[in-house]
């Protein structure tokens, strides 16, 4: 009888250990899914606002077309800058820039 009780206790201890382990795994999975859900919600908010702006904000649409496709209106000039090393202006050069030689 004592051996059967001991075996039963050992069985329940192992089951409790397994349940605790499974619970920890499920909690970790829940945290991962919560982070993914938050990211999806943030992305949805951004995309919803972007879509709304495409539908109702003509200035936004015009700017996006110009940026993405390089469109320039008939009376517009576009300047494109590239990043590079800054140019050092020596002393005395600044005054002579506006003068004709």
PDB file of N, CA and C in Angstrom:
ATOM      1  N   UNK A   1       0.811  -1.189   0.000  1.00  0.00           N
ATOM      2  CA  UNK A   1       0.000   0.000   0.000  1.00  0.00           C
ATOM      3  C   UNK A   1       0.861   1.262   0.000  1.00  0.00           C
ATOM      4  N   UNK A   2       1.935   1.217   0.781  1.00  0.00           N
ATOM      5  CA  UNK A   2       2.833   2.365   0.867  1.00  0.00           C
ATOM      6  C   UNK A   2       3.515   2.591  -0.481  1.00  0.00           C
ATOM      7  N   UNK A   3       3.896   1.507  -1.129  1.00  0.00           N
ATOM      8  CA  UNK A   3       4.567   1.620  -2.426  1.00  0.00           C
ATOM      9  C   UNK A   3       3.607   2.202  -3.462  1.00  0.00           C
ATOM     10  N   UNK A   4       2.348   1.789  -3.424  1.00  0.00           N
ATOM     11  CA  UNK A   4       1.354   2.310  -4.358  1.00  0.00           C
ATOM     12  C   UNK A   4       1.132   3.801  -4.103  1.00  0.00           C
ATOM     13  N   UNK A   5       1.082   4.204  -2.853  1.00  0.00           N
ATOM     14  CA  UNK A   5       0.911   5.619  -2.519  1.00  0.00           C
ATOM     15  C   UNK A   5       2.125   6.417  -2.977  1.00  0.00           C
ATOM     16  N   UNK A   6       3.319   5.865  -2.778  1.00  0.00           N
ATOM     17  CA  UNK A   6       4.539   6.542  -3.205  1.00  0.00           C
ATOM     18  C   UNK A   6       4.563   6.681  -4.732  1.00  0.00           C
ATOM     19  N   UNK A   7       4.160   5.633  -5.434  1.00  0.00           N
ATOM     20  CA  UNK A   7       4.121   5.669  -6.896  1.00  0.00           C
ATOM     21  C   UNK A   7       3.112   6.704  -7.381  1.00  0.00           C
ATOM     22  N   UNK A   8       1.976   6.757  -6.699  1.00  0.00           N
ATOM     23  CA  UNK A   8       0.951   7.739  -7.051  1.00  0.00           C
ATOM     24  C   UNK A   8       1.448   9.154  -6.812  1.00  0.00           C
ATOM     25  N   UNK A   9       2.116   9.399  -5.726  1.00  0.00           N
ATOM     26  CA  UNK A   9       2.676  10.720  -5.421  1.00  0.00           C
ATOM     27  C   UNK A   9       3.738  11.085  -6.463  1.00  0.00           C
ATOM     28  N   UNK A  10       4.606  10.144  -6.801  1.00  0.00           N
ATOM     29  CA  UNK A  10       5.644  10.393  -7.809  1.00  0.00           C
ATOM     30  C   UNK A  10       5.013  10.729  -9.155  1.00  0.00           C
ATOM     31  N   UNK A  11       3.956  10.011  -9.493  1.00  0.00           N
ATOM     32  CA  UNK A  11       3.258  10.276 -10.753  1.00  0.00           C
ATOM     33  C   UNK A  11       2.698  11.695 -10.771  1.00  0.00           C
ATOM     34  N   UNK A  12       2.037  12.098  -9.687  1.00  0.00           N
ATOM     35  CA  UNK A  12       1.455  13.439  -9.624  1.00  0.00           C
ATOM     36  C   UNK A  12       2.529  14.529  -9.609  1.00  0.00           C
ATOM     37  N   UNK A  13       3.635  14.262  -8.975  1.00  0.00           N
ATOM     38  CA  UNK A  13       4.740  15.234  -8.958  1.00  0.00           C
ATOM     39  C   UNK A  13       5.254  15.430 -10.380  1.00  0.00           C
ATOM     40  N   UNK A  14       5.434  14.344 -11.123  1.00  0.00           N
ATOM     41  CA  UNK A  14       5.892  14.451 -12.509  1.00  0.00           C
ATOM     42  C   UNK A  14       4.864  15.171 -13.384  1.00  0.00           C
ATOM     43  N   UNK A  15       3.599  14.870 -13.156  1.00  0.00           N
ATOM     44  CA  UNK A  15       2.539  15.534 -13.918  1.00  0.00           C
ATOM     45  C   UNK A  15       2.518  17.043 -13.621  1.00  0.00           C
ATOM     46  N   UNK A  16       2.657  17.384 -12.351  1.00  0.00           N
ATOM     47  CA  UNK A  16       2.689  18.803 -11.972  1.00  0.00           C
ATOM     48  C   UNK A  16       3.890  19.490 -12.613  1.00  0.00           C
ATOM     49  N   UNK A  17       5.037  18.804 -12.609  1.00  0.00           N
ATOM     50  CA  UNK A  17       6.235  19.363 -13.242  1.00  0.00           C
ATOM     51  C   UNK A  17       5.991  19.597 -14.730  1.00  0.00           C
ATOM     52  N   UNK A  18       5.373  18.628 -15.394  1.00  0.00           N
ATOM     53  CA  UNK A  18       5.067  18.772 -16.824  1.00  0.00           C
ATOM     54  C   UNK A  18       4.087  19.914 -17.086  1.00  0.00           C
ATOM     55  N   UNK A  19       3.097  20.035 -16.227  1.00  0.00           N
ATOM     56  CA  UNK A  19       2.115  21.115 -16.379  1.00  0.00           C
ATOM     57  C   UNK A  19       2.782  22.477 -16.188  1.00  0.00           C
ATOM     58  N   UNK A  20       3.659  22.587 -15.202  1.00  0.00           N
ATOM     59  CA  UNK A  20       4.379  23.847 -14.968  1.00  0.00           C
ATOM     60  C   UNK A  20       5.262  24.179 -16.168  1.00  0.00           C
ATOM     61  N   UNK A  21       5.951  23.189 -16.706  1.00  0.00           N
ATOM     62  CA  UNK A  21       6.804  23.393 -17.874  1.00  0.00           C
ATOM     63  C   UNK A  21       5.980  23.831 -19.084  1.00  0.00           C
ATOM     64  N   UNK A  22       4.855  23.170 -19.301  1.00  0.00           N
ATOM     65  CA  UNK A  22       3.976  23.531 -20.411  1.00  0.00           C
ATOM     66  C   UNK A  22       3.420  24.940 -20.222  1.00  0.00           C
ATOM     67  N   UNK A  23       3.082  25.282 -18.986  1.00  0.00           N
ATOM     68  CA  UNK A  23       2.572  26.617 -18.683  1.00  0.00           C
ATOM     69  C   UNK A  23       3.634  27.681 -19.000  1.00  0.00           C
ATOM     70  N   UNK A  24       4.889  27.412 -18.626  1.00  0.00           N
ATOM     71  CA  UNK A  24       5.974  28.348 -18.934  1.00  0.00           C
ATOM     72  C   UNK A  24       6.132  28.531 -20.437  1.00  0.00           C
ATOM     73  N   UNK A  25       6.046  27.428 -21.167  1.00  0.00           N
ATOM     74  CA  UNK A  25       6.146  27.505 -22.632  1.00  0.00           C
ATOM     75  C   UNK A  25       4.993  28.311 -23.222  1.00  0.00           C
ATOM     76  N   UNK A  26       3.806  28.082 -22.699  1.00  0.00           N
ATOM     77  CA  UNK A  26       2.642  28.819 -23.195  1.00  0.00           C
ATOM     78  C   UNK A  26       2.736  30.316 -22.865  1.00  0.00           C
ATOM     79  N   UNK A  27       3.252  30.654 -21.691  1.00  0.00           N
ATOM     80  CA  UNK A  27       3.427  32.059 -21.333  1.00  0.00           C
ATOM     81  C   UNK A  27       4.451  32.741 -22.246  1.00  0.00           C
ATOM     82  N   UNK A  28       5.534  32.038 -22.552  1.00  0.00           N
ATOM     83  CA  UNK A  28       6.540  32.585 -23.465  1.00  0.00           C
ATOM     84  C   UNK A  28       5.936  32.777 -24.858  1.00  0.00           C
ATOM     85  N   UNK A  29       5.168  31.823 -25.301  1.00  0.00           N
ATOM     86  CA  UNK A  29       4.500  31.927 -26.612  1.00  0.00           C
ATOM     87  C   UNK A  29       3.508  33.084 -26.613  1.00  0.00           C
ATOM     88  N   UNK A  30       2.795  33.259 -25.519  1.00  0.00           N
ATOM     89  CA  UNK A  30       1.834  34.359 -25.410  1.00  0.00           C
ATOM     90  C   UNK A  30       2.551  35.710 -25.514  1.00  0.00           C
ATOM     91  N   UNK A  31       3.688  35.837 -24.870  1.00  0.00           N
ATOM     92  CA  UNK A  31       4.449  37.083 -24.945  1.00  0.00           C
ATOM     93  C   UNK A  31       4.921  37.353 -26.366  1.00  0.00           C
ATOM     94  N   UNK A  32       5.402  36.318 -27.039  1.00  0.00           N
ATOM     95  CA  UNK A  32       5.842  36.465 -28.426  1.00  0.00           C
ATOM     96  C   UNK A  32       4.679  36.896 -29.317  1.00  0.00           C
ATOM     97  N   UNK A  33       3.546  36.247 -29.139  1.00  0.00           N
ATOM     98  CA  UNK A  33       2.370  36.588 -29.946  1.00  0.00           C
ATOM     99  C   UNK A  33       1.859  37.996 -29.630  1.00  0.00           C
ATOM    100  N   UNK A  34       1.949  38.399 -28.374  1.00  0.00           N
ATOM    101  CA  UNK A  34       1.519  39.747 -28.002  1.00  0.00           C
ATOM    102  C   UNK A  34       2.392  40.796 -28.686  1.00  0.00           C
ATOM    103  N   UNK A  35       3.707  40.549 -28.742  1.00  0.00           N
ATOM    104  CA  UNK A  35       4.610  41.474 -29.433  1.00  0.00           C
ATOM    105  C   UNK A  35       4.304  41.523 -30.922  1.00  0.00           C
ATOM    106  N   UNK A  36       4.064  40.363 -31.511  1.00  0.00           N
ATOM    107  CA  UNK A  36       3.723  40.317 -32.936  1.00  0.00           C
ATOM    108  C   UNK A  36       2.416  41.050 -33.206  1.00  0.00           C
ATOM    109  N   UNK A  37       1.439  40.858 -32.333  1.00  0.00           N
ATOM    110  CA  UNK A  37       0.148  41.520 -32.485  1.00  0.00           C
ATOM    111  C   UNK A  37       0.300  43.033 -32.388  1.00  0.00           C
ATOM    112  N   UNK A  38       1.092  43.500 -31.453  1.00  0.00           N
ATOM    113  CA  UNK A  38       1.320  44.938 -31.306  1.00  0.00           C
ATOM    114  C   UNK A  38       1.977  45.511 -32.556  1.00  0.00           C
ATOM    115  N   UNK A  39       2.943  44.787 -33.115  1.00  0.00           N
ATOM    116  CA  UNK A  39       3.599  45.242 -34.346  1.00  0.00           C
ATOM    117  C   UNK A  39       2.603  45.292 -35.493  1.00  0.00           C
ATOM    118  N   UNK A  40       1.761  44.276 -35.592  1.00  0.00           N
ATOM    119  CA  UNK A  40       0.748  44.241 -36.655  1.00  0.00           C
ATOM    120  C   UNK A  40      -0.227  45.404 -36.486  1.00  0.00           C
ATOM    121  N   UNK A  41      -0.623  45.687 -35.259  1.00  0.00           N
ATOM    122  CA  UNK A  41      -1.535  46.816 -35.018  1.00  0.00           C
ATOM    123  C   UNK A  41      -0.892  48.142 -35.409  1.00  0.00           C
ATOM    124  N   UNK A  42       0.386  48.299 -35.055  1.00  0.00           N
ATOM    125  CA  UNK A  42       1.106  49.527 -35.407  1.00  0.00           C
ATOM    126  C   UNK A  42       1.206  49.658 -36.917  1.00  0.00           C
ATOM    127  N   UNK A  43       1.540  48.566 -37.597  1.00  0.00           N
ATOM    128  CA  UNK A  43       1.626  48.587 -39.057  1.00  0.00           C
ATOM    129  C   UNK A  43       0.270  48.913 -39.678  1.00  0.00           C
ATOM    130  N   UNK A  44      -0.782  48.349 -39.132  1.00  0.00           N
ATOM    131  CA  UNK A  44      -2.124  48.611 -39.642  1.00  0.00           C
ATOM    132  C   UNK A  44      -2.492  50.079 -39.483  1.00  0.00           C
ATOM    133  N   UNK A  45      -2.173  50.668 -38.333  1.00  0.00           N
ATOM    134  CA  UNK A  45      -2.453  52.086 -38.126  1.00  0.00           C
ATOM    135  C   UNK A  45      -1.710  52.935 -39.149  1.00  0.00           C
ATOM    136  N   UNK A  46      -0.422  52.618 -39.370  1.00  0.00           N
ATOM    137  CA  UNK A  46       0.368  53.363 -40.341  1.00  0.00           C
ATOM    138  C   UNK A  46      -0.226  53.220 -41.742  1.00  0.00           C
ATOM    139  N   UNK A  47      -0.535  51.990 -42.134  1.00  0.00           N
ATOM    140  CA  UNK A  47      -1.065  51.755 -43.474  1.00  0.00           C
ATOM    141  C   UNK A  47      -2.438  52.388 -43.658  1.00  0.00           C
ATOM    142  N   UNK A  48      -3.258  52.380 -42.624  1.00  0.00           N
ATOM    143  CA  UNK A  48      -4.569  53.014 -42.696  1.00  0.00           C
ATOM    144  C   UNK A  48      -4.427  54.516 -42.885  1.00  0.00           C
ATOM    145  N   UNK A  49      -3.535  55.136 -42.136  1.00  0.00           N
ATOM    146  CA  UNK A  49      -3.298  56.570 -42.272  1.00  0.00           C
ATOM    147  C   UNK A  49      -2.711  56.892 -43.645  1.00  0.00           C
ATOM    148  N   UNK A  50      -1.782  56.068 -44.108  1.00  0.00           N
ATOM    149  CA  UNK A  50      -1.172  56.274 -45.428  1.00  0.00           C
ATOM    150  C   UNK A  50      -2.243  56.182 -46.518  1.00  0.00           C
ATOM    151  N   UNK A  51      -3.103  55.189 -46.426  1.00  0.00           N
ATOM    152  CA  UNK A  51      -4.189  55.015 -47.393  1.00  0.00           C
ATOM    153  C   UNK A  51      -5.141  56.206 -47.359  1.00  0.00           C
ATOM    154  N   UNK A  52      -5.477  56.665 -46.153  1.00  0.00           N
ATOM    155  CA  UNK A  52      -6.360  57.823 -46.020  1.00  0.00           C
ATOM    156  C   UNK A  52      -5.739  59.051 -46.681  1.00  0.00           C
ATOM    157  N   UNK A  53      -4.427  59.223 -46.476  1.00  0.00           N
ATOM    158  CA  UNK A  53      -3.749  60.370 -47.074  1.00  0.00           C
ATOM    159  C   UNK A  53      -3.715  60.254 -48.601  1.00  0.00           C
ATOM    160  N   UNK A  54      -3.544  59.035 -49.101  1.00  0.00           N
ATOM    161  CA  UNK A  54      -3.580  58.854 -50.559  1.00  0.00           C
ATOM    162  C   UNK A  54      -4.948  59.211 -51.134  1.00  0.00           C
ATOM    163  N   UNK A  55      -5.982  58.921 -50.387  1.00  0.00           N
ATOM    164  CA  UNK A  55      -7.333  59.207 -50.878  1.00  0.00           C
ATOM    165  C   UNK A  55      -7.718  60.674 -50.781  1.00  0.00           C
ATOM    166  N   UNK A  56      -7.305  61.348 -49.701  1.00  0.00           N
ATOM    167  CA  UNK A  56      -7.860  62.665 -49.416  1.00  0.00           C
ATOM    168  C   UNK A  56      -6.860  63.820 -49.396  1.00  0.00           C
ATOM    169  N   UNK A  57      -5.578  63.551 -49.457  1.00  0.00           N
ATOM    170  CA  UNK A  57      -4.585  64.620 -49.362  1.00  0.00           C
ATOM    171  C   UNK A  57      -3.832  64.743 -50.688  1.00  0.00           C
ATOM    172  N   UNK A  58      -4.276  65.694 -51.522  1.00  0.00           N
ATOM    173  CA  UNK A  58      -3.680  65.857 -52.845  1.00  0.00           C
ATOM    174  C   UNK A  58      -2.210  66.253 -52.779  1.00  0.00           C
ATOM    175  N   UNK A  59      -1.842  67.082 -51.818  1.00  0.00           N
ATOM    176  CA  UNK A  59      -0.440  67.507 -51.677  1.00  0.00           C
ATOM    177  C   UNK A  59       0.449  66.298 -51.355  1.00  0.00           C
ATOM    178  N   UNK A  60      -0.041  65.413 -50.500  1.00  0.00           N
ATOM    179  CA  UNK A  60       0.710  64.213 -50.141  1.00  0.00           C
ATOM    180  C   UNK A  60       0.917  63.333 -51.374  1.00  0.00           C
ATOM    181  N   UNK A  61      -0.146  63.126 -52.146  1.00  0.00           N
ATOM    182  CA  UNK A  61      -0.060  62.294 -53.348  1.00  0.00           C
ATOM    183  C   UNK A  61       0.935  62.902 -54.332  1.00  0.00           C
ATOM    184  N   UNK A  62       0.856  64.210 -54.522  1.00  0.00           N
ATOM    185  CA  UNK A  62       1.782  64.886 -55.436  1.00  0.00           C
ATOM    186  C   UNK A  62       3.231  64.716 -54.977  1.00  0.00           C
ATOM    187  N   UNK A  63       3.473  64.905 -53.679  1.00  0.00           N
ATOM    188  CA  UNK A  63       4.825  64.757 -53.142  1.00  0.00           C
ATOM    189  C   UNK A  63       5.344  63.321 -53.316  1.00  0.00           C
ATOM    190  N   UNK A  64       4.484  62.334 -53.033  1.00  0.00           N
ATOM    191  CA  UNK A  64       4.900  60.926 -53.181  1.00  0.00           C
ATOM    192  C   UNK A  64       5.221  60.600 -54.641  1.00  0.00           C
ATOM    193  N   UNK A  65       4.418  61.113 -55.584  1.00  0.00           N
ATOM    194  CA  UNK A  65       4.681  60.862 -57.005  1.00  0.00           C
ATOM    195  C   UNK A  65       6.007  61.486 -57.403  1.00  0.00           C
ATOM    196  N   UNK A  66       6.266  62.697 -56.935  1.00  0.00           N
ATOM    197  CA  UNK A  66       7.526  63.365 -57.252  1.00  0.00           C
ATOM    198  C   UNK A  66       8.707  62.604 -56.661  1.00  0.00           C
ATOM    199  N   UNK A  67       8.574  62.159 -55.407  1.00  0.00           N
ATOM    200  CA  UNK A  67       9.665  61.435 -54.758  1.00  0.00           C
ATOM    201  C   UNK A  67       9.912  60.078 -55.407  1.00  0.00           C
ATOM    202  N   UNK A  68       8.852  59.340 -55.656  1.00  0.00           N
ATOM    203  CA  UNK A  68       9.001  57.964 -56.130  1.00  0.00           C
ATOM    204  C   UNK A  68       9.338  57.881 -57.612  1.00  0.00           C
ATOM    205  N   UNK A  69       8.698  58.732 -58.430  1.00  0.00           N
ATOM    206  CA  UNK A  69       8.861  58.608 -59.869  1.00  0.00           C
ATOM    207  C   UNK A  69       9.671  59.737 -60.497  1.00  0.00           C
ATOM    208  N   UNK A  70      10.069  60.723 -59.682  1.00  0.00           N
ATOM    209  CA  UNK A  70      10.875  61.815 -60.205  1.00  0.00           C
ATOM    210  C   UNK A  70      10.088  62.779 -61.083  1.00  0.00           C
ATOM    211  N   UNK A  71       8.772  62.796 -60.929  1.00  0.00           N
ATOM    212  CA  UNK A  71       7.933  63.693 -61.720  1.00  0.00           C
ATOM    213  C   UNK A  71       8.250  65.142 -61.378  1.00  0.00           C
ATOM    214  N   UNK A  72       8.305  65.988 -62.432  1.00  0.00           N
ATOM    215  CA  UNK A  72       8.534  67.411 -62.237  1.00  0.00           C
ATOM    216  C   UNK A  72       7.462  68.146 -63.034  1.00  0.00           C
ATOM    217  N   UNK A  73       6.823  69.135 -62.392  1.00  0.00           N
ATOM    218  CA  UNK A  73       5.826  69.932 -63.069  1.00  0.00           C
ATOM    219  C   UNK A  73       6.468  70.794 -64.153  1.00  0.00           C
ATOM    220  N   UNK A  74       5.647  71.358 -65.040  1.00  0.00           N
ATOM    221  CA  UNK A  74       6.171  72.114 -66.180  1.00  0.00           C
ATOM    222  C   UNK A  74       6.927  73.372 -65.765  1.00  0.00           C
ATOM    223  N   UNK A  75       6.606  73.961 -64.645  1.00  0.00           N
ATOM    224  CA  UNK A  75       7.274  75.183 -64.195  1.00  0.00           C
ATOM    225  C   UNK A  75       8.077  74.948 -62.918  1.00  0.00           C
ATOM    226  N   UNK A  76       8.601  73.760 -62.773  1.00  0.00           N
ATOM    227  CA  UNK A  76       9.347  73.423 -61.567  1.00  0.00           C
ATOM    228  C   UNK A  76      10.771  73.013 -61.922  1.00  0.00           C
ATOM    229  N   UNK A  77      11.656  73.222 -60.980  1.00  0.00           N
ATOM    230  CA  UNK A  77      13.033  72.772 -61.089  1.00  0.00           C
ATOM    231  C   UNK A  77      13.299  71.880 -59.891  1.00  0.00           C
ATOM    232  N   UNK A  78      13.904  70.731 -60.126  1.00  0.00           N
ATOM    233  CA  UNK A  78      14.204  69.803 -59.053  1.00  0.00           C
ATOM    234  C   UNK A  78      15.705  69.736 -58.843  1.00  0.00           C
ATOM    235  N   UNK A  79      16.117  69.829 -57.607  1.00  0.00           N
ATOM    236  CA  UNK A  79      17.521  69.690 -57.242  1.00  0.00           C
ATOM    237  C   UNK A  79      17.679  68.364 -56.524  1.00  0.00           C
ATOM    238  N   UNK A  80      18.638  67.571 -56.940  1.00  0.00           N
ATOM    239  CA  UNK A  80      18.918  66.306 -56.276  1.00  0.00           C
ATOM    240  C   UNK A  80      20.303  66.409 -55.663  1.00  0.00           C
ATOM    241  N   UNK A  81      20.384  66.116 -54.398  1.00  0.00           N
ATOM    242  CA  UNK A  81      21.643  66.197 -53.678  1.00  0.00           C
ATOM    243  C   UNK A  81      22.109  64.795 -53.324  1.00  0.00           C
ATOM    244  N   UNK A  82      23.400  64.596 -53.375  1.00  0.00           N
ATOM    245  CA  UNK A  82      23.965  63.338 -52.937  1.00  0.00           C
ATOM    246  C   UNK A  82      24.793  63.603 -51.700  1.00  0.00           C
ATOM    247  N   UNK A  83      24.848  62.617 -50.852  1.00  0.00           N
ATOM    248  CA  UNK A  83      25.655  62.771 -49.654  1.00  0.00           C
ATOM    249  C   UNK A  83      27.103  62.528 -50.007  1.00  0.00           C
ATOM    250  N   UNK A  84      27.969  63.291 -49.414  1.00  0.00           N
ATOM    251  CA  UNK A  84      29.388  63.130 -49.674  1.00  0.00           C
ATOM    252  C   UNK A  84      30.170  63.904 -48.636  1.00  0.00           C
ATOM    253  N   UNK A  85      31.415  64.078 -48.911  1.00  0.00           N
ATOM    254  CA  UNK A  85      32.277  64.827 -48.009  1.00  0.00           C
ATOM    255  C   UNK A  85      31.941  66.311 -48.107  1.00  0.00           C
ATOM    256  N   UNK A  86      31.836  66.993 -46.981  1.00  0.00           N
ATOM    257  CA  UNK A  86      31.581  68.429 -47.042  1.00  0.00           C
ATOM    258  C   UNK A  86      32.797  69.148 -47.623  1.00  0.00           C
ATOM    259  N   UNK A  87      32.530  70.230 -48.315  1.00  0.00           N
ATOM    260  CA  UNK A  87      33.603  71.013 -48.919  1.00  0.00           C
ATOM    261  C   UNK A  87      34.040  72.064 -47.925  1.00  0.00           C
ATOM    262  N   UNK A  88      35.348  72.154 -47.724  1.00  0.00           N
ATOM    263  CA  UNK A  88      35.875  73.135 -46.798  1.00  0.00           C
ATOM    264  C   UNK A  88      36.110  74.435 -47.556  1.00  0.00           C
ATOM    265  N   UNK A  89      35.591  75.516 -47.003  1.00  0.00           N
ATOM    266  CA  UNK A  89      35.795  76.832 -47.606  1.00  0.00           C
ATOM    267  C   UNK A  89      36.900  77.520 -46.835  1.00  0.00           C
ATOM    268  N   UNK A  90      37.951  77.857 -47.553  1.00  0.00           N
ATOM    269  CA  UNK A  90      39.088  78.539 -46.932  1.00  0.00           C
ATOM    270  C   UNK A  90      38.713  79.982 -46.644  1.00  0.00           C
ATOM    271  N   UNK A  91      39.378  80.565 -45.681  1.00  0.00           N
ATOM    272  CA  UNK A  91      39.136  81.974 -45.372  1.00  0.00           C
ATOM    273  C   UNK A  91      39.476  82.811 -46.583  1.00  0.00           C
ATOM    274  N   UNK A  92      38.679  83.813 -46.855  1.00  0.00           N
ATOM    275  CA  UNK A  92      38.901  84.686 -47.985  1.00  0.00           C
ATOM    276  C   UNK A  92      38.137  84.231 -49.215  1.00  0.00           C
ATOM    277  N   UNK A  93      37.783  82.955 -49.308  1.00  0.00           N
ATOM    278  CA  UNK A  93      37.028  82.463 -50.454  1.00  0.00           C
ATOM    279  C   UNK A  93      35.579  82.954 -50.406  1.00  0.00           C
ATOM    280  N   UNK A  94      35.046  83.085 -49.195  1.00  0.00           N
ATOM    281  CA  UNK A  94      33.649  83.489 -49.058  1.00  0.00           C
ATOM    282  C   UNK A  94      33.402  84.844 -49.660  1.00  0.00           C
ATOM    283  N   UNK A  95      34.297  85.787 -49.440  1.00  0.00           N
ATOM    284  CA  UNK A  95      34.087  87.136 -49.968  1.00  0.00           C
ATOM    285  C   UNK A  95      34.207  87.152 -51.493  1.00  0.00           C
ATOM    286  N   UNK A  96      35.082  86.318 -52.041  1.00  0.00           N
ATOM    287  CA  UNK A  96      35.337  86.369 -53.478  1.00  0.00           C
ATOM    288  C   UNK A  96      34.290  85.586 -54.279  1.00  0.00           C
ATOM    289  N   UNK A  97      33.466  84.801 -53.614  1.00  0.00           N
ATOM    290  CA  UNK A  97      32.463  84.003 -54.334  1.00  0.00           C
ATOM    291  C   UNK A  97      31.474  84.868 -55.093  1.00  0.00           C
ATOM    292  N   UNK A  98      31.022  85.950 -54.506  1.00  0.00           N
ATOM    293  CA  UNK A  98      30.021  86.779 -55.132  1.00  0.00           C
ATOM    294  C   UNK A  98      30.611  87.786 -56.092  1.00  0.00           C
ATOM    295  N   UNK A  99      31.909  87.939 -56.154  1.00  0.00           N
ATOM    296  CA  UNK A  99      32.542  88.947 -57.004  1.00  0.00           C
ATOM    297  C   UNK A  99      32.882  88.341 -58.353  1.00  0.00           C
ATOM    298  N   UNK A 100      32.834  89.160 -59.387  1.00  0.00           N
ATOM    299  CA  UNK A 100      33.274  88.752 -60.711  1.00  0.00           C
ATOM    300  C   UNK A 100      34.757  89.022 -60.837  1.00  0.00           C
ATOM    301  N   UNK A 101      35.570  88.140 -61.376  1.00  0.00           N
ATOM    302  CA  UNK A 101      37.027  88.366 -61.497  1.00  0.00           C
ATOM    303  C   UNK A 101      37.365  89.381 -62.552  1.00  0.00           C
TER     304      UNK A 101
END
